[in-house]
Amino acid sequence: MKFIRNLIEQELQKIEQQLSSDSSDDITQNVSNKKELKKCLFLIDLAEDYDLDNRTIKEIISLPDMKTGYSEYRIINDCESDAMEDWVEIFDDHTKRLLPGDLIILKK
């Protein structure tokens, strides 16, 4: 990823130089390209931080909208029990609730 990161950063530098000296119609395109390249760098950071690539990702799941009104998904540890009273909510401070459209990445 280092090679790709360097290419993107070099291209961003070129765009910055063009933006600082350019007064043509290319400004809109350069701004758009700059935004896209920054998105790519963000995704590269995610891939590196979480070791995400085609070898490590088993599946990506988008949580469905169950059409139940405003309800949330919660992550539960079932503690190897079918008895719901034994289950433990992972984020019991209620700071992390999943909503329809959120992604879960299953790693291999």
PDB file of N, CA and C in Angstrom:
ATOM      1  N   MET A   1       0.813  -1.204   0.000  1.00  0.00           N
ATOM      2  CA  MET A   1       0.000   0.000   0.000  1.00  0.00           C
ATOM      3  C   MET A   1       0.855   1.265   0.000  1.00  0.00           C
ATOM      4  N   LYS A   2       2.088   1.103   0.415  1.00  0.00           N
ATOM      5  CA  LYS A   2       2.973   2.266   0.477  1.00  0.00           C
ATOM      6  C   LYS A   2       3.161   2.886  -0.910  1.00  0.00           C
ATOM      7  N   PHE A   3       3.310   2.025  -1.915  1.00  0.00           N
ATOM      8  CA  PHE A   3       3.492   2.486  -3.288  1.00  0.00           C
ATOM      9  C   PHE A   3       2.276   3.299  -3.743  1.00  0.00           C
ATOM     10  N   ILE A   4       1.092   2.765  -3.502  1.00  0.00           N
ATOM     11  CA  ILE A   4      -0.146   3.444  -3.900  1.00  0.00           C
ATOM     12  C   ILE A   4      -0.316   4.753  -3.135  1.00  0.00           C
ATOM     13  N   ARG A   5      -0.027   4.706  -1.822  1.00  0.00           N
ATOM     14  CA  ARG A   5      -0.121   5.928  -1.011  1.00  0.00           C
ATOM     15  C   ARG A   5       0.790   7.011  -1.580  1.00  0.00           C
ATOM     16  N   ASN A   6       2.003   6.648  -1.954  1.00  0.00           N
ATOM     17  CA  ASN A   6       2.946   7.620  -2.512  1.00  0.00           C
ATOM     18  C   ASN A   6       2.441   8.204  -3.833  1.00  0.00           C
ATOM     19  N   LEU A   7       1.870   7.345  -4.688  1.00  0.00           N
ATOM     20  CA  LEU A   7       1.311   7.838  -5.948  1.00  0.00           C
ATOM     21  C   LEU A   7       0.185   8.839  -5.705  1.00  0.00           C
ATOM     22  N   ILE A   8      -0.684   8.507  -4.781  1.00  0.00           N
ATOM     23  CA  ILE A   8      -1.812   9.403  -4.479  1.00  0.00           C
ATOM     24  C   ILE A   8      -1.305  10.717  -3.906  1.00  0.00           C
ATOM     25  N   GLU A   9      -0.356  10.643  -2.985  1.00  0.00           N
ATOM     26  CA  GLU A   9       0.180  11.866  -2.387  1.00  0.00           C
ATOM     27  C   GLU A   9       0.886  12.736  -3.421  1.00  0.00           C
ATOM     28  N   GLN A  10       1.588  12.108  -4.358  1.00  0.00           N
ATOM     29  CA  GLN A  10       2.228  12.876  -5.437  1.00  0.00           C
ATOM     30  C   GLN A  10       1.174  13.565  -6.302  1.00  0.00           C
ATOM     31  N   GLU A  11       0.125  12.853  -6.606  1.00  0.00           N
ATOM     32  CA  GLU A  11      -0.940  13.436  -7.421  1.00  0.00           C
ATOM     33  C   GLU A  11      -1.629  14.575  -6.675  1.00  0.00           C
ATOM     34  N   LEU A  12      -1.822  14.403  -5.371  1.00  0.00           N
ATOM     35  CA  LEU A  12      -2.413  15.473  -4.564  1.00  0.00           C
ATOM     36  C   LEU A  12      -1.533  16.718  -4.583  1.00  0.00           C
ATOM     37  N   GLN A  13      -0.226  16.535  -4.526  1.00  0.00           N
ATOM     38  CA  GLN A  13       0.691  17.676  -4.589  1.00  0.00           C
ATOM     39  C   GLN A  13       0.568  18.401  -5.928  1.00  0.00           C
ATOM     40  N   LYS A  14       0.459  17.625  -7.014  1.00  0.00           N
ATOM     41  CA  LYS A  14       0.290  18.236  -8.340  1.00  0.00           C
ATOM     42  C   LYS A  14      -1.005  19.051  -8.394  1.00  0.00           C
ATOM     43  N   ILE A  15      -2.051  18.471  -7.854  1.00  0.00           N
ATOM     44  CA  ILE A  15      -3.344  19.166  -7.861  1.00  0.00           C
ATOM     45  C   ILE A  15      -3.270  20.438  -7.031  1.00  0.00           C
ATOM     46  N   GLU A  16      -2.624  20.373  -5.871  1.00  0.00           N
ATOM     47  CA  GLU A  16      -2.471  21.564  -5.027  1.00  0.00           C
ATOM     48  C   GLU A  16      -1.729  22.663  -5.778  1.00  0.00           C
ATOM     49  N   GLN A  17      -0.670  22.293  -6.486  1.00  0.00           N
ATOM     50  CA  GLN A  17       0.085  23.276  -7.256  1.00  0.00           C
ATOM     51  C   GLN A  17      -0.785  23.886  -8.357  1.00  0.00           C
ATOM     52  N   GLN A  18      -1.551  23.044  -9.025  1.00  0.00           N
ATOM     53  CA  GLN A  18      -2.426  23.543 -10.083  1.00  0.00           C
ATOM     54  C   GLN A  18      -3.502  24.462  -9.517  1.00  0.00           C
ATOM     55  N   LEU A  19      -4.050  24.086  -8.367  1.00  0.00           N
ATOM     56  CA  LEU A  19      -5.091  24.915  -7.751  1.00  0.00           C
ATOM     57  C   LEU A  19      -4.557  26.274  -7.315  1.00  0.00           C
ATOM     58  N   SER A  20      -3.321  26.300  -6.840  1.00  0.00           N
ATOM     59  CA  SER A  20      -2.764  27.571  -6.369  1.00  0.00           C
ATOM     60  C   SER A  20      -2.376  28.492  -7.523  1.00  0.00           C
ATOM     61  N   SER A  21      -2.177  27.941  -8.719  1.00  0.00           N
ATOM     62  CA  SER A  21      -1.755  28.779  -9.842  1.00  0.00           C
ATOM     63  C   SER A  21      -2.775  28.814 -10.971  1.00  0.00           C
ATOM     64  N   ASP A  22      -3.823  28.084 -10.869  1.00  0.00           N
ATOM     65  CA  ASP A  22      -4.759  27.921 -11.967  1.00  0.00           C
ATOM     66  C   ASP A  22      -5.958  28.841 -11.836  1.00  0.00           C
ATOM     67  N   SER A  23      -6.369  29.403 -12.928  1.00  0.00           N
ATOM     68  CA  SER A  23      -7.587  30.201 -12.943  1.00  0.00           C
ATOM     69  C   SER A  23      -8.498  29.749 -14.079  1.00  0.00           C
ATOM     70  N   SER A  24      -8.236  28.548 -14.571  1.00  0.00           N
ATOM     71  CA  SER A  24      -9.018  28.045 -15.698  1.00  0.00           C
ATOM     72  C   SER A  24     -10.217  27.227 -15.215  1.00  0.00           C
ATOM     73  N   ASP A  25     -10.879  26.607 -16.165  1.00  0.00           N
ATOM     74  CA  ASP A  25     -12.041  25.774 -15.864  1.00  0.00           C
ATOM     75  C   ASP A  25     -11.648  24.469 -15.169  1.00  0.00           C
ATOM     76  N   ASP A  26     -10.371  24.156 -15.107  1.00  0.00           N
ATOM     77  CA  ASP A  26      -9.907  22.915 -14.484  1.00  0.00           C
ATOM     78  C   ASP A  26     -10.045  22.935 -12.967  1.00  0.00           C
ATOM     79  N   ILE A  27     -10.343  24.076 -12.398  1.00  0.00           N
ATOM     80  CA  ILE A  27     -10.433  24.182 -10.937  1.00  0.00           C
ATOM     81  C   ILE A  27     -11.483  23.229 -10.390  1.00  0.00           C
ATOM     82  N   THR A  28     -12.650  23.202 -10.991  1.00  0.00           N
ATOM     83  CA  THR A  28     -13.717  22.325 -10.521  1.00  0.00           C
ATOM     84  C   THR A  28     -13.291  20.865 -10.601  1.00  0.00           C
ATOM     85  N   GLN A  29     -12.676  20.485 -11.707  1.00  0.00           N
ATOM     86  CA  GLN A  29     -12.218  19.101 -11.873  1.00  0.00           C
ATOM     87  C   GLN A  29     -11.110  18.777 -10.880  1.00  0.00           C
ATOM     88  N   ASN A  30     -10.188  19.719 -10.666  1.00  0.00           N
ATOM     89  CA  ASN A  30      -9.101  19.486  -9.716  1.00  0.00           C
ATOM     90  C   ASN A  30      -9.624  19.323  -8.292  1.00  0.00           C
ATOM     91  N   VAL A  31     -10.602  20.130  -7.921  1.00  0.00           N
ATOM     92  CA  VAL A  31     -11.191  20.019  -6.586  1.00  0.00           C
ATOM     93  C   VAL A  31     -11.874  18.661  -6.433  1.00  0.00           C
ATOM     94  N   SER A  32     -12.586  18.241  -7.464  1.00  0.00           N
ATOM     95  CA  SER A  32     -13.256  16.941  -7.445  1.00  0.00           C
ATOM     96  C   SER A  32     -12.234  15.805  -7.338  1.00  0.00           C
ATOM     97  N   ASN A  33     -11.171  15.886  -8.129  1.00  0.00           N
ATOM     98  CA  ASN A  33     -10.118  14.869  -8.079  1.00  0.00           C
ATOM     99  C   ASN A  33      -9.448  14.825  -6.710  1.00  0.00           C
ATOM    100  N   LYS A  34      -9.230  15.989  -6.129  1.00  0.00           N
ATOM    101  CA  LYS A  34      -8.605  16.069  -4.811  1.00  0.00           C
ATOM    102  C   LYS A  34      -9.476  15.360  -3.766  1.00  0.00           C
ATOM    103  N   LYS A  35     -10.777  15.596  -3.816  1.00  0.00           N
ATOM    104  CA  LYS A  35     -11.699  14.945  -2.872  1.00  0.00           C
ATOM    105  C   LYS A  35     -11.670  13.430  -3.039  1.00  0.00           C
ATOM    106  N   GLU A  36     -11.665  12.969  -4.286  1.00  0.00           N
ATOM    107  CA  GLU A  36     -11.641  11.535  -4.535  1.00  0.00           C
ATOM    108  C   GLU A  36     -10.346  10.897  -4.037  1.00  0.00           C
ATOM    109  N   LEU A  37      -9.241  11.567  -4.262  1.00  0.00           N
ATOM    110  CA  LEU A  37      -7.958  11.034  -3.803  1.00  0.00           C
ATOM    111  C   LEU A  37      -7.880  10.989  -2.275  1.00  0.00           C
ATOM    112  N   LYS A  38      -8.455  11.992  -1.623  1.00  0.00           N
ATOM    113  CA  LYS A  38      -8.474  11.982  -0.154  1.00  0.00           C
ATOM    114  C   LYS A  38      -9.342  10.841   0.378  1.00  0.00           C
ATOM    115  N   LYS A  39     -10.442  10.544  -0.328  1.00  0.00           N
ATOM    116  CA  LYS A  39     -11.264   9.391   0.051  1.00  0.00           C
ATOM    117  C   LYS A  39     -10.452   8.104  -0.065  1.00  0.00           C
ATOM    118  N   CYS A  40      -9.670   8.001  -1.130  1.00  0.00           N
ATOM    119  CA  CYS A  40      -8.827   6.822  -1.324  1.00  0.00           C
ATOM    120  C   CYS A  40      -7.821   6.672  -0.188  1.00  0.00           C
ATOM    121  N   LEU A  41      -7.209   7.785   0.221  1.00  0.00           N
ATOM    122  CA  LEU A  41      -6.259   7.718   1.337  1.00  0.00           C
ATOM    123  C   LEU A  41      -6.957   7.275   2.616  1.00  0.00           C
ATOM    124  N   PHE A  42      -8.176   7.749   2.837  1.00  0.00           N
ATOM    125  CA  PHE A  42      -8.945   7.331   4.012  1.00  0.00           C
ATOM    126  C   PHE A  42      -9.179   5.822   3.983  1.00  0.00           C
ATOM    127  N   LEU A  43      -9.566   5.298   2.813  1.00  0.00           N
ATOM    128  CA  LEU A  43      -9.821   3.863   2.697  1.00  0.00           C
ATOM    129  C   LEU A  43      -8.539   3.055   2.857  1.00  0.00           C
ATOM    130  N   ILE A  44      -7.434   3.564   2.368  1.00  0.00           N
ATOM    131  CA  ILE A  44      -6.149   2.897   2.560  1.00  0.00           C
ATOM    132  C   ILE A  44      -5.817   2.840   4.048  1.00  0.00           C
ATOM    133  N   ASP A  45      -6.058   3.944   4.771  1.00  0.00           N
ATOM    134  CA  ASP A  45      -5.823   3.958   6.219  1.00  0.00           C
ATOM    135  C   ASP A  45      -6.663   2.893   6.922  1.00  0.00           C
ATOM    136  N   LEU A  46      -7.938   2.791   6.548  1.00  0.00           N
ATOM    137  CA  LEU A  46      -8.805   1.760   7.144  1.00  0.00           C
ATOM    138  C   LEU A  46      -8.264   0.365   6.863  1.00  0.00           C
ATOM    139  N   ALA A  47      -7.887   0.130   5.618  1.00  0.00           N
ATOM    140  CA  ALA A  47      -7.367  -1.183   5.237  1.00  0.00           C
ATOM    141  C   ALA A  47      -6.108  -1.529   6.033  1.00  0.00           C
ATOM    142  N   GLU A  48      -5.242  -0.558   6.216  1.00  0.00           N
ATOM    143  CA  GLU A  48      -4.008  -0.809   6.963  1.00  0.00           C
ATOM    144  C   GLU A  48      -4.284  -0.971   8.456  1.00  0.00           C
ATOM    145  N   ASP A  49      -5.129  -0.111   9.015  1.00  0.00           N
ATOM    146  CA  ASP A  49      -5.420  -0.169  10.457  1.00  0.00           C
ATOM    147  C   ASP A  49      -6.080  -1.484  10.862  1.00  0.00           C
ATOM    148  N   TYR A  50      -6.947  -2.021  10.003  1.00  0.00           N
ATOM    149  CA  TYR A  50      -7.719  -3.214  10.352  1.00  0.00           C
ATOM    150  C   TYR A  50      -7.331  -4.446   9.537  1.00  0.00           C
ATOM    151  N   ASP A  51      -6.215  -4.372   8.838  1.00  0.00           N
ATOM    152  CA  ASP A  51      -5.724  -5.484   8.032  1.00  0.00           C
ATOM    153  C   ASP A  51      -6.828  -6.011   7.120  1.00  0.00           C
ATOM    154  N   LEU A  52      -7.377  -5.116   6.302  1.00  0.00           N
ATOM    155  CA  LEU A  52      -8.461  -5.475   5.403  1.00  0.00           C
ATOM    156  C   LEU A  52      -7.949  -5.585   3.973  1.00  0.00           C
ATOM    157  N   ASP A  53      -8.140  -6.738   3.398  1.00  0.00           N
ATOM    158  CA  ASP A  53      -7.887  -6.937   1.984  1.00  0.00           C
ATOM    159  C   ASP A  53      -8.598  -8.205   1.546  1.00  0.00           C
ATOM    160  N   ASN A  54      -8.435  -8.561   0.279  1.00  0.00           N
ATOM    161  CA  ASN A  54      -9.161  -9.718  -0.240  1.00  0.00           C
ATOM    162  C   ASN A  54      -8.756 -11.029   0.431  1.00  0.00           C
ATOM    163  N   ARG A  55      -7.613 -11.068   1.091  1.00  0.00           N
ATOM    164  CA  ARG A  55      -7.188 -12.280   1.790  1.00  0.00           C
ATOM    165  C   ARG A  55      -7.746 -12.378   3.202  1.00  0.00           C
ATOM    166  N   THR A  56      -8.163 -11.258   3.773  1.00  0.00           N
ATOM    167  CA  THR A  56      -8.588 -11.268   5.180  1.00  0.00           C
ATOM    168  C   THR A  56     -10.090 -11.084   5.375  1.00  0.00           C
ATOM    169  N   ILE A  57     -10.799 -10.652   4.344  1.00  0.00           N
ATOM    170  CA  ILE A  57     -12.238 -10.436   4.471  1.00  0.00           C
ATOM    171  C   ILE A  57     -12.986 -11.660   3.952  1.00  0.00           C
ATOM    172  N   LYS A  58     -13.797 -12.222   4.823  1.00  0.00           N
ATOM    173  CA  LYS A  58     -14.627 -13.359   4.435  1.00  0.00           C
ATOM    174  C   LYS A  58     -15.926 -12.877   3.797  1.00  0.00           C
ATOM    175  N   GLU A  59     -16.551 -11.862   4.431  1.00  0.00           N
ATOM    176  CA  GLU A  59     -17.836 -11.379   3.956  1.00  0.00           C
ATOM    177  C   GLU A  59     -18.102 -10.000   4.551  1.00  0.00           C
ATOM    178  N   ILE A  60     -18.825  -9.182   3.803  1.00  0.00           N
ATOM    179  CA  ILE A  60     -19.290  -7.889   4.300  1.00  0.00           C
ATOM    180  C   ILE A  60     -20.811  -7.932   4.274  1.00  0.00           C
ATOM    181  N   ILE A  61     -21.405  -7.682   5.431  1.00  0.00           N
ATOM    182  CA  ILE A  61     -22.852  -7.757   5.577  1.00  0.00           C
ATOM    183  C   ILE A  61     -23.396  -6.351   5.815  1.00  0.00           C
ATOM    184  N   SER A  62     -24.407  -5.983   5.043  1.00  0.00           N
ATOM    185  CA  SER A  62     -25.121  -4.737   5.272  1.00  0.00           C
ATOM    186  C   SER A  62     -26.386  -5.097   6.043  1.00  0.00           C
ATOM    187  N   LEU A  63     -26.545  -4.508   7.222  1.00  0.00           N
ATOM    188  CA  LEU A  63     -27.697  -4.847   8.055  1.00  0.00           C
ATOM    189  C   LEU A  63     -28.985  -4.394   7.379  1.00  0.00           C
ATOM    190  N   PRO A  64     -29.960  -5.279   7.304  1.00  0.00           N
ATOM    191  CA  PRO A  64     -31.200  -4.945   6.602  1.00  0.00           C
ATOM    192  C   PRO A  64     -32.109  -4.052   7.437  1.00  0.00           C
ATOM    193  N   ASP A  65     -32.978  -3.341   6.730  1.00  0.00           N
ATOM    194  CA  ASP A  65     -34.028  -2.581   7.394  1.00  0.00           C
ATOM    195  C   ASP A  65     -35.192  -3.539   7.600  1.00  0.00           C
ATOM    196  N   MET A  66     -35.469  -3.862   8.851  1.00  0.00           N
ATOM    197  CA  MET A  66     -36.501  -4.845   9.166  1.00  0.00           C
ATOM    198  C   MET A  66     -37.896  -4.236   9.192  1.00  0.00           C
ATOM    199  N   LYS A  67     -37.990  -2.938   8.906  1.00  0.00           N
ATOM    200  CA  LYS A  67     -39.287  -2.239   8.854  1.00  0.00           C
ATOM    201  C   LYS A  67     -40.060  -2.391  10.161  1.00  0.00           C
ATOM    202  N   THR A  68     -39.339  -2.242  11.278  1.00  0.00           N
ATOM    203  CA  THR A  68     -39.974  -2.368  12.599  1.00  0.00           C
ATOM    204  C   THR A  68     -40.066  -1.023  13.306  1.00  0.00           C
ATOM    205  N   GLY A  69     -39.975   0.051  12.553  1.00  0.00           N
ATOM    206  CA  GLY A  69     -39.946   1.361  13.186  1.00  0.00           C
ATOM    207  C   GLY A  69     -38.512   1.700  13.542  1.00  0.00           C
ATOM    208  N   TYR A  70     -38.349   2.549  14.529  1.00  0.00           N
ATOM    209  CA  TYR A  70     -36.986   2.940  14.915  1.00  0.00           C
ATOM    210  C   TYR A  70     -36.442   1.920  15.911  1.00  0.00           C
ATOM    211  N   SER A  71     -35.821   0.892  15.374  1.00  0.00           N
ATOM    212  CA  SER A  71     -35.198  -0.105  16.240  1.00  0.00           C
ATOM    213  C   SER A  71     -33.725  -0.204  15.856  1.00  0.00           C
ATOM    214  N   GLU A  72     -32.940  -0.735  16.772  1.00  0.00           N
ATOM    215  CA  GLU A  72     -31.502  -0.817  16.586  1.00  0.00           C
ATOM    216  C   GLU A  72     -31.054  -2.270  16.700  1.00  0.00           C
ATOM    217  N   TYR A  73     -29.913  -2.531  16.108  1.00  0.00           N
ATOM    218  CA  TYR A  73     -29.257  -3.818  16.288  1.00  0.00           C
ATOM    219  C   TYR A  73     -28.290  -3.685  17.459  1.00  0.00           C
ATOM    220  N   ARG A  74     -28.140  -4.751  18.216  1.00  0.00           N
ATOM    221  CA  ARG A  74     -27.178  -4.774  19.318  1.00  0.00           C
ATOM    222  C   ARG A  74     -26.281  -5.988  19.149  1.00  0.00           C
ATOM    223  N   ILE A  75     -25.066  -5.887  19.649  1.00  0.00           N
ATOM    224  CA  ILE A  75     -24.133  -7.002  19.593  1.00  0.00           C
ATOM    225  C   ILE A  75     -24.167  -7.706  20.947  1.00  0.00           C
ATOM    226  N   ILE A  76     -24.463  -8.990  20.889  1.00  0.00           N
ATOM    227  CA  ILE A  76     -24.651  -9.783  22.098  1.00  0.00           C
ATOM    228  C   ILE A  76     -23.663 -10.948  22.103  1.00  0.00           C
ATOM    229  N   ASN A  77     -23.083 -11.224  23.243  1.00  0.00           N
ATOM    230  CA  ASN A  77     -22.313 -12.444  23.457  1.00  0.00           C
ATOM    231  C   ASN A  77     -23.278 -13.442  24.081  1.00  0.00           C
ATOM    232  N   ASP A  78     -23.502 -14.566  23.406  1.00  0.00           N
ATOM    233  CA  ASP A  78     -24.491 -15.523  23.916  1.00  0.00           C
ATOM    234  C   ASP A  78     -23.925 -16.422  25.014  1.00  0.00           C
ATOM    235  N   CYS A  79     -22.644 -16.253  25.328  1.00  0.00           N
ATOM    236  CA  CYS A  79     -21.996 -17.008  26.421  1.00  0.00           C
ATOM    237  C   CYS A  79     -22.257 -18.509  26.293  1.00  0.00           C
ATOM    238  N   GLU A  80     -22.321 -18.976  25.068  1.00  0.00           N
ATOM    239  CA  GLU A  80     -22.548 -20.395  24.775  1.00  0.00           C
ATOM    240  C   GLU A  80     -23.801 -20.942  25.440  1.00  0.00           C
ATOM    241  N   SER A  81     -24.830 -20.107  25.470  1.00  0.00           N
ATOM    242  CA  SER A  81     -26.080 -20.511  26.107  1.00  0.00           C
ATOM    243  C   SER A  81     -27.253 -20.080  25.245  1.00  0.00           C
ATOM    244  N   ASP A  82     -28.274 -20.924  25.209  1.00  0.00           N
ATOM    245  CA  ASP A  82     -29.510 -20.549  24.516  1.00  0.00           C
ATOM    246  C   ASP A  82     -30.429 -19.745  25.424  1.00  0.00           C
ATOM    247  N   ALA A  83     -30.084 -19.650  26.701  1.00  0.00           N
ATOM    248  CA  ALA A  83     -30.908 -18.907  27.658  1.00  0.00           C
ATOM    249  C   ALA A  83     -30.597 -17.418  27.526  1.00  0.00           C
ATOM    250  N   MET A  84     -31.575 -16.642  27.075  1.00  0.00           N
ATOM    251  CA  MET A  84     -31.359 -15.214  26.837  1.00  0.00           C
ATOM    252  C   MET A  84     -30.909 -14.473  28.096  1.00  0.00           C
ATOM    253  N   GLU A  85     -31.301 -14.938  29.267  1.00  0.00           N
ATOM    254  CA  GLU A  85     -30.902 -14.256  30.499  1.00  0.00           C
ATOM    255  C   GLU A  85     -29.391 -14.372  30.759  1.00  0.00           C
ATOM    256  N   ASP A  86     -28.727 -15.298  30.086  1.00  0.00           N
ATOM    257  CA  ASP A  86     -27.273 -15.444  30.229  1.00  0.00           C
ATOM    258  C   ASP A  86     -26.496 -14.595  29.233  1.00  0.00           C
ATOM    259  N   TRP A  87     -27.199 -14.033  28.271  1.00  0.00           N
ATOM    260  CA  TRP A  87     -26.532 -13.260  27.235  1.00  0.00           C
ATOM    261  C   TRP A  87     -26.051 -11.920  27.784  1.00  0.00           C
ATOM    262  N   VAL A  88     -24.941 -11.437  27.224  1.00  0.00           N
ATOM    263  CA  VAL A  88     -24.339 -10.179  27.671  1.00  0.00           C
ATOM    264  C   VAL A  88     -24.200  -9.242  26.474  1.00  0.00           C
ATOM    265  N   GLU A  89     -24.722  -8.028  26.621  1.00  0.00           N
ATOM    266  CA  GLU A  89     -24.567  -7.033  25.561  1.00  0.00           C
ATOM    267  C   GLU A  89     -23.130  -6.512  25.596  1.00  0.00           C
ATOM    268  N   ILE A  90     -22.484  -6.517  24.454  1.00  0.00           N
ATOM    269  CA  ILE A  90     -21.066  -6.135  24.379  1.00  0.00           C
ATOM    270  C   ILE A  90     -20.848  -4.683  24.775  1.00  0.00           C
ATOM    271  N   PHE A  91     -21.652  -3.783  24.252  1.00  0.00           N
ATOM    272  CA  PHE A  91     -21.517  -2.367  24.566  1.00  0.00           C
ATOM    273  C   PHE A  91     -22.656  -1.972  25.491  1.00  0.00           C
ATOM    274  N   ASP A  92     -22.528  -2.331  26.754  1.00  0.00           N
ATOM    275  CA  ASP A  92     -23.637  -2.116  27.695  1.00  0.00           C
ATOM    276  C   ASP A  92     -23.796  -0.657  28.109  1.00  0.00           C
ATOM    277  N   ASP A  93     -22.882   0.207  27.677  1.00  0.00           N
ATOM    278  CA  ASP A  93     -23.060   1.637  27.960  1.00  0.00           C
ATOM    279  C   ASP A  93     -23.943   2.291  26.889  1.00  0.00           C
ATOM    280  N   HIS A  94     -24.421   1.497  25.938  1.00  0.00           N
ATOM    281  CA  HIS A  94     -25.350   1.932  24.895  1.00  0.00           C
ATOM    282  C   HIS A  94     -24.768   3.008  23.968  1.00  0.00           C
ATOM    283  N   THR A  95     -23.449   3.051  23.846  1.00  0.00           N
ATOM    284  CA  THR A  95     -22.829   4.055  22.978  1.00  0.00           C
ATOM    285  C   THR A  95     -22.745   3.584  21.537  1.00  0.00           C
ATOM    286  N   LYS A  96     -22.835   2.283  21.324  1.00  0.00           N
ATOM    287  CA  LYS A  96     -22.706   1.761  19.967  1.00  0.00           C
ATOM    288  C   LYS A  96     -23.916   0.906  19.647  1.00  0.00           C
ATOM    289  N   ARG A  97     -24.758   1.451  18.835  1.00  0.00           N
ATOM    290  CA  ARG A  97     -25.919   0.715  18.347  1.00  0.00           C
ATOM    291  C   ARG A  97     -25.843   0.703  16.835  1.00  0.00           C
ATOM    292  N   LEU A  98     -26.156  -0.417  16.259  1.00  0.00           N
ATOM    293  CA  LEU A  98     -26.098  -0.551  14.814  1.00  0.00           C
ATOM    294  C   LEU A  98     -27.468  -0.277  14.213  1.00  0.00           C
ATOM    295  N   LEU A  99     -27.463   0.340  13.058  1.00  0.00           N
ATOM    296  CA  LEU A  99     -28.693   0.709  12.369  1.00  0.00           C
ATOM    297  C   LEU A  99     -28.729   0.048  10.992  1.00  0.00           C
ATOM    298  N   PRO A 100     -29.913  -0.041  10.397  1.00  0.00           N
ATOM    299  CA  PRO A 100     -29.990  -0.592   9.041  1.00  0.00           C
ATOM    300  C   PRO A 100     -29.018   0.129   8.112  1.00  0.00           C
ATOM    301  N   GLY A 101     -28.330  -0.650   7.301  1.00  0.00           N
ATOM    302  CA  GLY A 101     -27.347  -0.085   6.376  1.00  0.00           C
ATOM    303  C   GLY A 101     -25.932  -0.099   6.928  1.00  0.00           C
ATOM    304  N   ASP A 102     -25.784  -0.221   8.256  1.00  0.00           N
ATOM    305  CA  ASP A 102     -24.440  -0.336   8.823  1.00  0.00           C
ATOM    306  C   ASP A 102     -23.810  -1.634   8.340  1.00  0.00           C
ATOM    307  N   LEU A 103     -22.500  -1.654   8.315  1.00  0.00           N
ATOM    308  CA  LEU A 103     -21.776  -2.806   7.791  1.00  0.00           C
ATOM    309  C   LEU A 103     -21.111  -3.607   8.900  1.00  0.00           C
ATOM    310  N   ILE A 104     -21.110  -4.895   8.720  1.00  0.00           N
ATOM    311  CA  ILE A 104     -20.335  -5.796   9.580  1.00  0.00           C
ATOM    312  C   ILE A 104     -19.353  -6.501   8.663  1.00  0.00           C
ATOM    313  N   ILE A 105     -18.083  -6.471   9.008  1.00  0.00           N
ATOM    314  CA  ILE A 105     -17.052  -7.125   8.214  1.00  0.00           C
ATOM    315  C   ILE A 105     -16.644  -8.392   8.937  1.00  0.00           C
ATOM    316  N   LEU A 106     -16.861  -9.531   8.280  1.00  0.00           N
ATOM    317  CA  LEU A 106     -16.437 -10.811   8.834  1.00  0.00           C
ATOM    318  C   LEU A 106     -15.058 -11.121   8.279  1.00  0.00           C
ATOM    319  N   LYS A 107     -14.128 -11.364   9.176  1.00  0.00           N
ATOM    320  CA  LYS A 107     -12.765 -11.678   8.739  1.00  0.00           C
ATOM    321  C   LYS A 107     -12.563 -13.186   8.719  1.00  0.00           C
ATOM    322  N   LYS A 108     -11.662 -13.619   7.885  1.00  0.00           N
ATOM    323  CA  LYS A 108     -11.358 -15.057   7.767  1.00  0.00           C
ATOM    324  C   LYS A 108     -10.612 -15.531   8.986  1.00  0.00           C
TER     325      LYS A 108
END
